[in-house]
Amino acid sequence: MTRIALEFVPPDVEDGKEKAVEEAQKVNELSAQFGMESMLDHMMIPGMIEEEEDRPVEMKPKLDPLETWQAISPEMPGVKGMCTQVTAFMNEDQLKERFTNLTNAGINGIILVGVPRNMEDGEGTGVPPTDALADFQDYVSDRGVILIPTREGEDGRFNFKCNQGATFGMTQLLYSDAIVNFLKNFAKNHDHRPEVLLSFGFVPKAESKVGLINWLIQDPGNQVVEDEQAFVEKLTTMKLKEKQKHLLELYKRVINGVGELDFPMSLHFEAPYGFTKPSFETFSLLLDYWAPEKPDTKTSAIS
């Protein structure tokens, strides 16, 4: 399977399902404006939970991904749902019910994620995500995990997740081509070739004041991540066309590099500050260079 997924953040509970519908309609309008209406085939709805207090944007209670998907799916015929699911706070019976409800609603890709960064792996009274990968294969056929190529020990961590039953990995936002060498080394050391959703995010000027992307990709003491953060900061100072040029150059390096390897390539786009014309214009430019093949399209080389 290959796909193009757009991150669709659930609205605040106080704004209700009506806000979700408005955002879905905005996605439809912007997709049509930039020639992407038939290309976005999945909405990736994250399960939002409270994290560290230093999060630069206030975390208000969010709608559940299931509620969000049920609200927006009528607005998006032909589009499928994906979501992230924290398993560490649910027991086995609760997860069985949860996965059944998600899949029955048409969410066919579920990314099993761990506890927030302010907790240690293994904390929580429920099922660790690596156990859930193995234990719930009869309930979730399309099982995803998060892939952070810059994280120490990620090669072994990702291989273990694949051994446990992961069928795809969705990367953290990519602001360098570190994923290329990561997957090259992974291919040398392991036999797994799961689908990889490569994540690319738009960087607006607001990032220079708010720092949400900087916070999302942080890994103190990691020089590669510090270089990525510097790249993000540089992008905030650029005019749109210059910014798009640099993002496209990065996209080409990643696509060309990963494209030489034997991993099914998919895409995941994020607009962390909301759906805007500049973000969709940028995504459209990236897709003009390369997009995953649809079942009814002919093979085209990466140029």
Protein backbone atom coordinates (compact mmCIF):
# COMPACT_ATOMS: atom_id res chain seq x y z
CA MET A 1 0.00 0.00 0.00
CA THR A 2 1.09 3.57 -0.68
CA ARG A 3 -0.85 6.69 0.24
CA ILE A 4 -0.84 10.44 0.72
CA ALA A 5 -2.07 11.41 4.17
CA LEU A 6 -2.83 14.87 5.50
CA GLU A 7 -2.62 15.50 9.24
CA PHE A 8 -6.03 16.62 10.49
CA VAL A 9 -5.78 17.80 14.10
CA PRO A 10 -9.04 17.35 16.03
CA PRO A 11 -10.68 20.64 17.03
CA ASP A 12 -11.04 21.71 20.62
CA VAL A 13 -13.99 20.13 22.39
CA GLU A 14 -15.40 23.60 23.05
CA ASP A 15 -15.59 24.23 19.29
CA GLY A 16 -17.48 20.98 18.64
CA LYS A 17 -17.94 18.83 15.55
CA GLU A 18 -19.06 21.86 13.56
CA LYS A 19 -15.46 23.12 13.61
CA ALA A 20 -14.25 19.77 12.30
CA VAL A 21 -16.69 20.03 9.40
CA GLU A 22 -15.52 23.58 8.65
CA GLU A 23 -11.91 22.42 8.56
CA ALA A 24 -12.79 19.51 6.27
CA GLN A 25 -14.49 21.92 3.89
CA LYS A 26 -11.40 24.14 3.98
CA VAL A 27 -9.24 21.12 3.07
CA ASN A 28 -11.54 20.38 0.13
CA GLU A 29 -11.43 23.99 -1.09
CA LEU A 30 -7.64 24.31 -0.82
CA SER A 31 -7.08 20.89 -2.38
CA ALA A 32 -9.21 21.88 -5.38
CA GLN A 33 -7.50 25.26 -5.68
CA PHE A 34 -4.06 23.65 -5.93
CA GLY A 35 -4.97 20.56 -7.98
CA MET A 36 -4.77 18.09 -5.12
CA GLU A 37 -8.44 17.09 -4.79
CA SER A 38 -7.88 13.57 -6.11
CA MET A 39 -4.50 13.04 -4.45
CA LEU A 40 -5.13 13.23 -0.70
CA ASP A 41 -6.51 9.79 0.07
CA HIS A 42 -6.13 9.64 3.87
CA MET A 43 -6.76 11.98 6.79
CA MET A 44 -4.37 11.21 9.66
CA ILE A 45 -6.09 12.23 12.91
CA PRO A 46 -3.80 12.26 15.94
CA GLY A 47 -5.07 11.32 19.37
CA MET A 48 -4.12 14.45 21.32
CA ILE A 49 -3.07 14.01 24.95
CA GLU A 50 -1.49 16.35 27.47
CA GLU A 51 2.31 16.50 27.43
CA GLU A 52 4.92 18.68 29.08
CA GLU A 53 3.90 22.01 30.52
CA ASP A 54 6.42 23.77 28.27
CA ARG A 55 4.35 23.04 25.12
CA PRO A 56 4.37 26.42 23.31
CA VAL A 57 0.71 26.16 22.25
CA GLU A 58 -1.88 25.58 24.96
CA MET A 59 -3.35 22.08 24.88
CA LYS A 60 -7.09 22.34 25.34
CA PRO A 61 -9.26 19.20 25.46
CA LYS A 62 -9.62 17.86 21.91
CA LEU A 63 -12.30 15.86 20.17
CA ASP A 64 -11.58 12.16 19.99
CA PRO A 65 -10.21 10.96 16.61
CA LEU A 66 -13.23 8.69 16.18
CA GLU A 67 -15.66 11.58 16.72
CA THR A 68 -13.59 13.76 14.41
CA TRP A 69 -13.55 11.16 11.65
CA GLN A 70 -17.30 10.54 11.93
CA ALA A 71 -17.85 14.29 11.53
CA ILE A 72 -15.57 14.85 8.53
CA SER A 73 -15.90 11.62 6.54
CA PRO A 74 -19.24 12.62 4.91
CA GLU A 75 -17.45 15.74 3.61
CA MET A 76 -14.69 13.65 2.04
CA PRO A 77 -16.07 10.80 -0.05
CA GLY A 78 -13.35 8.42 -1.19
CA VAL A 79 -10.95 9.51 1.56
CA LYS A 80 -9.97 7.01 4.26
CA GLY A 81 -9.14 7.56 7.88
CA MET A 82 -6.00 7.00 9.93
CA CYS A 83 -5.29 7.83 13.54
CA THR A 84 -2.79 7.48 16.35
CA GLN A 85 -3.74 5.52 19.44
CA VAL A 86 -2.03 5.60 22.82
CA THR A 87 -2.41 2.09 24.24
CA ALA A 88 -0.67 2.51 27.61
CA PHE A 89 -3.79 3.78 29.38
CA MET A 90 -6.21 1.05 28.22
CA ASN A 91 -6.46 -2.59 29.22
CA GLU A 92 -6.96 -5.45 26.77
CA ASP A 93 -10.76 -5.38 26.77
CA GLN A 94 -10.85 -1.62 26.34
CA LEU A 95 -8.46 -1.82 23.39
CA LYS A 96 -10.48 -4.55 21.72
CA GLU A 97 -13.57 -2.35 21.90
CA ARG A 98 -11.62 0.71 20.78
CA PHE A 99 -10.03 -0.97 17.76
CA THR A 100 -13.36 -2.50 16.74
CA ASN A 101 -15.07 0.90 16.85
CA LEU A 102 -12.28 2.57 14.88
CA THR A 103 -12.17 -0.01 12.12
CA ASN A 104 -15.96 -0.22 11.88
CA ALA A 105 -16.01 3.55 11.33
CA GLY A 106 -13.64 3.23 8.35
CA ILE A 107 -10.33 4.06 9.97
CA ASN A 108 -8.02 1.54 8.33
CA GLY A 109 -4.62 2.67 9.57
CA ILE A 110 -3.92 2.86 13.29
CA ILE A 111 -0.54 4.05 14.58
CA LEU A 112 0.19 2.65 18.02
CA VAL A 113 2.13 5.17 20.09
CA GLY A 114 3.72 5.23 23.51
CA VAL A 115 3.43 7.47 26.52
CA PRO A 116 4.12 11.24 26.39
CA ARG A 117 7.69 12.47 26.70
CA ASN A 118 7.14 13.41 30.33
CA MET A 119 6.69 9.71 31.17
CA GLU A 120 9.06 6.75 30.92
CA ASP A 121 8.56 3.79 28.56
CA GLY A 122 6.57 1.13 30.36
CA GLU A 123 4.63 3.58 32.48
CA GLY A 124 0.87 3.41 32.33
CA THR A 125 -1.59 0.80 33.51
CA GLY A 126 -2.53 -0.46 30.06
CA VAL A 127 -0.87 -2.32 27.19
CA PRO A 128 2.53 -1.15 25.85
CA PRO A 129 2.32 -0.36 22.12
CA THR A 130 4.88 -3.02 21.19
CA ASP A 131 2.74 -5.65 22.94
CA ALA A 132 -0.39 -4.29 21.26
CA LEU A 133 1.26 -4.70 17.84
CA ALA A 134 1.51 -8.43 18.43
CA ASP A 135 -1.64 -9.00 20.46
CA PHE A 136 -4.23 -7.19 18.34
CA GLN A 137 -3.38 -8.23 14.80
CA ASP A 138 -6.84 -9.78 14.41
CA TYR A 139 -8.36 -6.40 15.28
CA VAL A 140 -6.06 -4.06 13.33
CA SER A 141 -4.78 -5.17 9.94
CA ASP A 142 -2.93 -1.92 9.11
CA ARG A 143 -0.66 -1.35 12.12
CA GLY A 144 1.66 1.64 12.24
CA VAL A 145 4.43 2.94 14.48
CA ILE A 146 6.34 6.20 14.81
CA LEU A 147 9.80 6.27 13.20
CA ILE A 148 12.29 8.92 14.38
CA PRO A 149 15.47 8.46 12.28
CA THR A 150 17.52 10.85 14.42
CA ARG A 151 16.79 9.08 17.72
CA GLU A 152 19.55 7.05 19.36
CA GLY A 153 18.92 3.30 19.10
CA GLU A 154 16.12 3.72 16.56
CA ASP A 155 17.45 0.95 14.27
CA GLY A 156 16.93 -1.73 16.89
CA ARG A 157 13.72 -0.13 18.15
CA PHE A 158 12.15 -0.05 14.67
CA ASN A 159 13.25 -3.60 13.91
CA PHE A 160 11.66 -4.82 17.14
CA LYS A 161 8.41 -3.06 16.25
CA CYS A 162 8.45 -4.75 12.84
CA ASN A 163 9.10 -8.11 14.50
CA GLN A 164 6.07 -7.44 16.69
CA GLY A 165 3.85 -6.90 13.66
CA ALA A 166 4.13 -3.31 12.47
CA THR A 167 3.13 -2.96 8.81
CA PHE A 168 4.20 0.66 8.34
CA GLY A 169 6.17 3.44 9.97
CA MET A 170 5.33 7.14 9.96
CA THR A 171 8.33 9.40 10.41
CA GLN A 172 8.64 12.39 12.65
CA LEU A 173 8.65 15.66 10.69
CA LEU A 174 11.68 15.61 8.39
CA TYR A 175 13.87 18.71 8.20
CA SER A 176 16.97 16.87 7.03
CA ASP A 177 17.66 13.81 4.88
CA ALA A 178 18.75 11.69 7.87
CA ILE A 179 15.99 9.22 7.01
CA VAL A 180 17.92 8.18 3.88
CA ASN A 181 20.99 6.86 5.68
CA PHE A 182 18.80 5.43 8.41
CA LEU A 183 16.84 3.30 5.94
CA LYS A 184 20.01 2.35 4.03
CA ASN A 185 21.53 0.99 7.23
CA PHE A 186 18.25 -0.61 8.27
CA ALA A 187 18.06 -2.41 4.92
CA LYS A 188 21.60 -3.74 5.39
CA ASN A 189 20.90 -5.07 8.87
CA HIS A 190 17.30 -6.30 8.68
CA ASP A 191 14.90 -8.05 6.31
CA HIS A 192 11.79 -5.99 7.05
CA ARG A 193 10.59 -3.62 4.31
CA PRO A 194 7.49 -1.93 5.76
CA GLU A 195 5.71 0.97 4.13
CA VAL A 196 7.26 4.28 5.21
CA LEU A 197 5.18 7.45 5.45
CA LEU A 198 7.63 10.32 4.95
CA SER A 199 6.44 13.37 6.89
CA PHE A 200 6.91 16.89 5.57
CA GLY A 201 5.66 20.02 7.28
CA PHE A 202 5.13 23.62 6.22
CA VAL A 203 6.96 26.27 8.27
CA PRO A 204 5.19 29.65 8.50
CA LYS A 205 6.65 32.88 9.85
CA ALA A 206 4.69 32.34 13.07
CA GLU A 207 7.14 29.57 14.01
CA SER A 208 9.78 32.22 14.83
CA LYS A 209 7.56 33.54 17.65
CA VAL A 210 5.76 30.38 18.77
CA GLY A 211 8.32 27.58 18.25
CA LEU A 212 5.85 24.70 17.98
CA ILE A 213 7.83 22.80 15.32
CA ASN A 214 11.07 23.38 17.23
CA TRP A 215 9.38 21.85 20.28
CA LEU A 216 7.92 18.92 18.34
CA ILE A 217 11.26 17.76 16.92
CA GLN A 218 13.43 18.52 19.96
CA ASP A 219 16.02 16.05 21.24
CA PRO A 220 18.42 17.89 23.56
CA GLY A 221 22.07 17.08 22.90
CA ASN A 222 21.41 15.60 19.45
CA GLN A 223 23.47 17.54 16.92
CA VAL A 224 21.49 16.33 13.90
CA VAL A 225 18.26 17.57 15.48
CA GLU A 226 19.90 20.87 16.41
CA ASP A 227 20.84 21.28 12.74
CA GLU A 228 17.23 20.54 11.79
CA GLN A 229 16.01 23.14 14.25
CA ALA A 230 18.42 25.67 12.73
CA PHE A 231 17.04 24.85 9.27
CA VAL A 232 13.49 25.41 10.53
CA GLU A 233 14.53 28.75 12.05
CA LYS A 234 16.12 29.76 8.76
CA LEU A 235 12.93 28.93 6.87
CA THR A 236 10.91 31.29 9.07
CA THR A 237 12.94 34.26 7.78
CA MET A 238 12.37 33.49 4.10
CA LYS A 239 9.73 34.72 1.71
CA LEU A 240 7.38 32.04 0.45
CA LYS A 241 9.08 31.29 -2.89
CA GLU A 242 12.52 31.00 -1.32
CA LYS A 243 11.10 28.83 1.46
CA GLN A 244 9.42 26.57 -1.07
CA LYS A 245 12.69 26.24 -2.98
CA HIS A 246 14.52 24.97 0.11
CA LEU A 247 11.70 22.62 1.12
CA LEU A 248 11.57 21.21 -2.41
CA GLU A 249 15.34 20.63 -2.41
CA LEU A 250 15.00 18.70 0.86
CA TYR A 251 12.04 16.76 -0.53
CA LYS A 252 14.03 15.78 -3.62
CA ARG A 253 16.97 14.53 -1.54
CA VAL A 254 14.70 12.42 0.63
CA ILE A 255 12.56 11.06 -2.21
CA ASN A 256 15.53 10.27 -4.45
CA GLY A 257 17.48 8.66 -1.63
CA VAL A 258 14.68 6.54 -0.19
CA GLY A 259 13.45 5.78 -3.70
CA GLU A 260 16.61 3.77 -4.36
CA LEU A 261 15.70 1.43 -1.50
CA ASP A 262 13.16 -1.35 -1.34
CA PHE A 263 10.60 0.37 0.90
CA PRO A 264 7.08 1.29 -0.23
CA MET A 265 7.04 5.09 -0.03
CA SER A 266 4.05 7.10 1.14
CA LEU A 267 3.64 10.73 2.18
CA HIS A 268 2.34 12.49 5.27
CA PHE A 269 1.86 16.27 5.15
CA GLU A 270 1.48 18.52 8.18
CA ALA A 271 0.48 22.16 8.56
CA PRO A 272 1.14 22.57 12.31
CA TYR A 273 -0.29 26.10 12.35
CA GLY A 274 -3.44 25.30 10.38
CA PHE A 275 -4.55 24.80 6.79
CA THR A 276 -3.53 27.81 4.67
CA LYS A 277 -3.01 28.67 1.03
CA PRO A 278 0.80 28.82 1.38
CA SER A 279 0.90 25.36 3.01
CA PHE A 280 -1.23 23.75 0.29
CA GLU A 281 0.65 25.56 -2.47
CA THR A 282 3.86 24.11 -1.02
CA PHE A 283 2.45 20.58 -0.75
CA SER A 284 1.29 20.84 -4.36
CA LEU A 285 4.79 21.79 -5.51
CA LEU A 286 6.23 18.78 -3.72
CA LEU A 287 3.65 16.47 -5.28
CA ASP A 288 4.46 17.87 -8.72
CA TYR A 289 7.92 16.41 -8.28
CA TRP A 290 6.83 13.01 -7.00
CA ALA A 291 3.72 11.34 -5.65
CA PRO A 292 2.98 7.68 -4.86
CA GLU A 293 1.43 5.82 -7.74
CA LYS A 294 -2.29 5.20 -7.74
CA PRO A 295 -3.46 1.68 -8.70
CA ASP A 296 -4.67 2.91 -12.08
CA THR A 297 -1.55 4.91 -13.00
CA LYS A 298 1.49 3.86 -14.95
CA THR A 299 4.97 3.68 -13.49
CA SER A 300 6.92 6.92 -13.66
CA ALA A 301 10.59 7.38 -12.81
CA ILE A 302 11.82 9.81 -10.21
CA SER A 303 13.61 12.55 -12.11
